[in-house]
């Protein structure tokens, strides 16, 4: 066979620079089924995200009673909130956090095993305590919120 005209020089790309179209089956990187499904699910969620309303509560109305004011919510506050009152932290605060929820502040005096000194401490600060509705979001952090300093 004879070719008429000058032939262009043949260019061969380095293996790393070849496109996936030119790769043979053994050269192509394997994509796992999990990665493909995860990518498809992420794309579907991203497409739906713009049309869904935000369902998150933007502000917990009783945040000041979690330790930011003089009054402490005995049903939701962390034990560290009681540190501002001498004699409350850590023992009495731990007892309050682990024995709730309470209907009213007077329920704290029904906790079994309180010593006379602990009862006197509770009476001393009784006007600084309030029993608000327990909130599940704060239940886990009442005893240990992970803040150590």
Protein backbone atom coordinates (compact mmCIF):
# COMPACT_ATOMS: atom_id res chain seq x y z
CA UNK A 1 0.00 0.00 0.00
CA UNK A 2 1.26 3.40 -0.85
CA UNK A 3 0.39 6.65 0.88
CA UNK A 4 0.35 9.88 -1.03
CA UNK A 5 1.69 12.89 0.82
CA UNK A 6 3.71 13.32 3.98
CA UNK A 7 2.51 11.52 7.04
CA UNK A 8 2.31 13.38 10.34
CA UNK A 9 4.62 12.06 13.05
CA UNK A 10 2.89 9.65 15.43
CA UNK A 11 2.61 10.98 18.99
CA UNK A 12 2.29 8.65 21.92
CA UNK A 13 1.32 10.10 25.28
CA UNK A 14 2.90 8.94 28.50
CA UNK A 15 0.73 6.43 30.41
CA UNK A 16 -0.13 8.94 33.19
CA UNK A 17 -1.28 11.55 30.68
CA UNK A 18 -3.56 9.27 28.67
CA UNK A 19 -7.25 9.99 28.92
CA UNK A 20 -9.61 7.41 30.34
CA UNK A 21 -11.03 6.89 26.86
CA UNK A 22 -7.71 5.50 25.66
CA UNK A 23 -7.15 3.35 28.75
CA UNK A 24 -7.65 -0.33 28.55
CA UNK A 25 -9.89 -2.09 31.09
CA UNK A 26 -6.97 -3.13 33.28
CA UNK A 27 -5.57 0.46 33.38
CA UNK A 28 -8.85 2.10 34.53
CA UNK A 29 -9.19 2.77 38.26
CA UNK A 30 -12.01 0.73 39.80
CA UNK A 31 -14.96 2.67 41.21
CA UNK A 32 -16.68 0.82 43.99
CA UNK A 33 -20.43 0.42 44.05
CA UNK A 34 -20.49 2.21 47.43
CA UNK A 35 -18.68 5.25 46.03
CA UNK A 36 -21.05 5.43 43.06
CA UNK A 37 -24.16 5.16 45.26
CA UNK A 38 -22.81 7.68 47.76
CA UNK A 39 -22.14 10.16 44.99
CA UNK A 40 -25.61 9.66 43.52
CA UNK A 41 -27.26 10.06 46.94
CA UNK A 42 -25.26 13.20 47.69
CA UNK A 43 -26.26 14.70 44.35
CA UNK A 44 -29.94 13.90 45.00
CA UNK A 45 -29.82 15.45 48.49
CA UNK A 46 -28.08 18.54 47.18
CA UNK A 47 -30.78 18.95 44.55
CA UNK A 48 -33.52 18.63 47.17
CA UNK A 49 -31.85 20.84 49.80
CA UNK A 50 -32.94 24.06 48.15
CA UNK A 51 -36.61 23.10 48.32
CA UNK A 52 -36.75 21.84 51.92
CA UNK A 53 -37.61 24.20 54.80
CA UNK A 54 -35.16 24.52 57.67
CA UNK A 55 -36.52 22.57 60.62
CA UNK A 56 -33.87 23.50 63.20
CA UNK A 57 -34.70 25.52 66.29
CA UNK A 58 -32.63 28.65 65.95
CA UNK A 59 -32.49 29.66 69.61
CA UNK A 60 -33.34 27.87 72.83
CA UNK A 61 -35.36 30.43 74.76
CA UNK A 62 -34.03 29.30 78.16
CA UNK A 63 -30.31 29.60 77.39
CA UNK A 64 -29.75 32.11 80.22
CA UNK A 65 -30.87 29.49 82.75
CA UNK A 66 -28.14 27.08 81.62
CA UNK A 67 -25.51 29.06 83.49
CA UNK A 68 -25.57 32.53 81.96
CA UNK A 69 -27.66 34.17 84.69
CA UNK A 70 -28.12 34.03 88.46
CA UNK A 71 -30.95 31.49 88.10
CA UNK A 72 -30.15 27.88 87.12
CA UNK A 73 -32.53 25.43 85.46
CA UNK A 74 -32.20 22.20 87.45
CA UNK A 75 -33.63 20.10 84.59
CA UNK A 76 -31.29 21.24 81.80
CA UNK A 77 -28.18 22.94 83.21
CA UNK A 78 -24.78 21.29 83.29
CA UNK A 79 -23.10 20.67 86.65
CA UNK A 80 -20.56 23.42 85.84
CA UNK A 81 -23.33 26.03 86.02
CA UNK A 82 -23.52 25.45 89.79
CA UNK A 83 -19.85 26.37 90.34
CA UNK A 84 -20.82 29.98 91.00
CA UNK A 85 -22.54 28.94 94.23
CA UNK A 86 -20.15 27.77 96.99
CA UNK A 87 -20.97 24.27 98.26
CA UNK A 88 -22.99 23.27 95.19
CA UNK A 89 -20.25 22.12 92.82
CA UNK A 90 -19.40 19.29 92.22
CA UNK A 91 -21.22 17.01 94.69
CA UNK A 92 -24.66 18.61 95.07
CA UNK A 93 -24.65 19.64 91.40
CA UNK A 94 -23.94 16.05 90.37
CA UNK A 95 -26.75 14.78 92.57
CA UNK A 96 -29.17 17.28 91.02
CA UNK A 97 -28.10 16.43 87.47
CA UNK A 98 -28.39 12.67 87.89
CA UNK A 99 -31.70 12.54 89.78
CA UNK A 100 -33.93 14.70 87.58
CA UNK A 101 -36.16 15.64 85.94
CA UNK A 102 -38.07 17.60 88.53
CA UNK A 103 -41.62 18.95 88.47
CA UNK A 104 -40.67 21.80 90.82
CA UNK A 105 -37.67 22.98 92.80
CA UNK A 106 -39.11 21.51 95.99
CA UNK A 107 -38.71 18.01 94.46
CA UNK A 108 -34.94 18.21 95.04
CA UNK A 109 -35.52 17.77 98.76
CA UNK A 110 -37.08 14.34 98.06
CA UNK A 111 -33.82 12.94 96.65
CA UNK A 112 -32.90 9.91 98.77
CA UNK A 113 -29.57 9.92 100.58
CA UNK A 114 -29.04 13.68 100.89
CA UNK A 115 -27.02 14.64 103.93
CA UNK A 116 -28.12 17.44 106.24
CA UNK A 117 -25.32 19.63 104.92
CA UNK A 118 -26.44 19.06 101.30
CA UNK A 119 -30.05 19.86 102.22
CA UNK A 120 -28.90 23.09 103.90
CA UNK A 121 -26.90 24.03 100.79
CA UNK A 122 -29.95 23.42 98.59
CA UNK A 123 -32.13 25.52 100.92
CA UNK A 124 -29.55 28.31 100.82
CA UNK A 125 -29.78 28.56 97.02
CA UNK A 126 -33.40 27.44 96.52
CA UNK A 127 -34.42 30.88 95.23
CA UNK A 128 -31.66 30.65 92.58
CA UNK A 129 -33.10 27.44 91.07
CA UNK A 130 -35.95 26.90 88.60
CA UNK A 131 -37.44 23.68 87.17
CA UNK A 132 -38.18 24.25 83.47
CA UNK A 133 -39.37 21.61 81.00
CA UNK A 134 -36.59 19.07 80.33
CA UNK A 135 -35.04 19.39 76.85
CA UNK A 136 -33.56 16.23 75.27
CA UNK A 137 -30.78 18.21 73.56
CA UNK A 138 -29.28 19.13 76.94
CA UNK A 139 -29.86 15.81 78.72
CA UNK A 140 -26.64 14.19 77.52
CA UNK A 141 -24.44 17.12 78.61
CA UNK A 142 -25.82 17.66 82.13
CA UNK A 143 -23.10 15.66 83.88
CA UNK A 144 -20.18 15.86 81.46
CA UNK A 145 -20.17 18.41 78.65
CA UNK A 146 -16.55 17.78 77.67
CA UNK A 147 -15.27 21.16 78.88
CA UNK A 148 -12.41 20.63 81.28
CA UNK A 149 -10.95 24.10 81.70
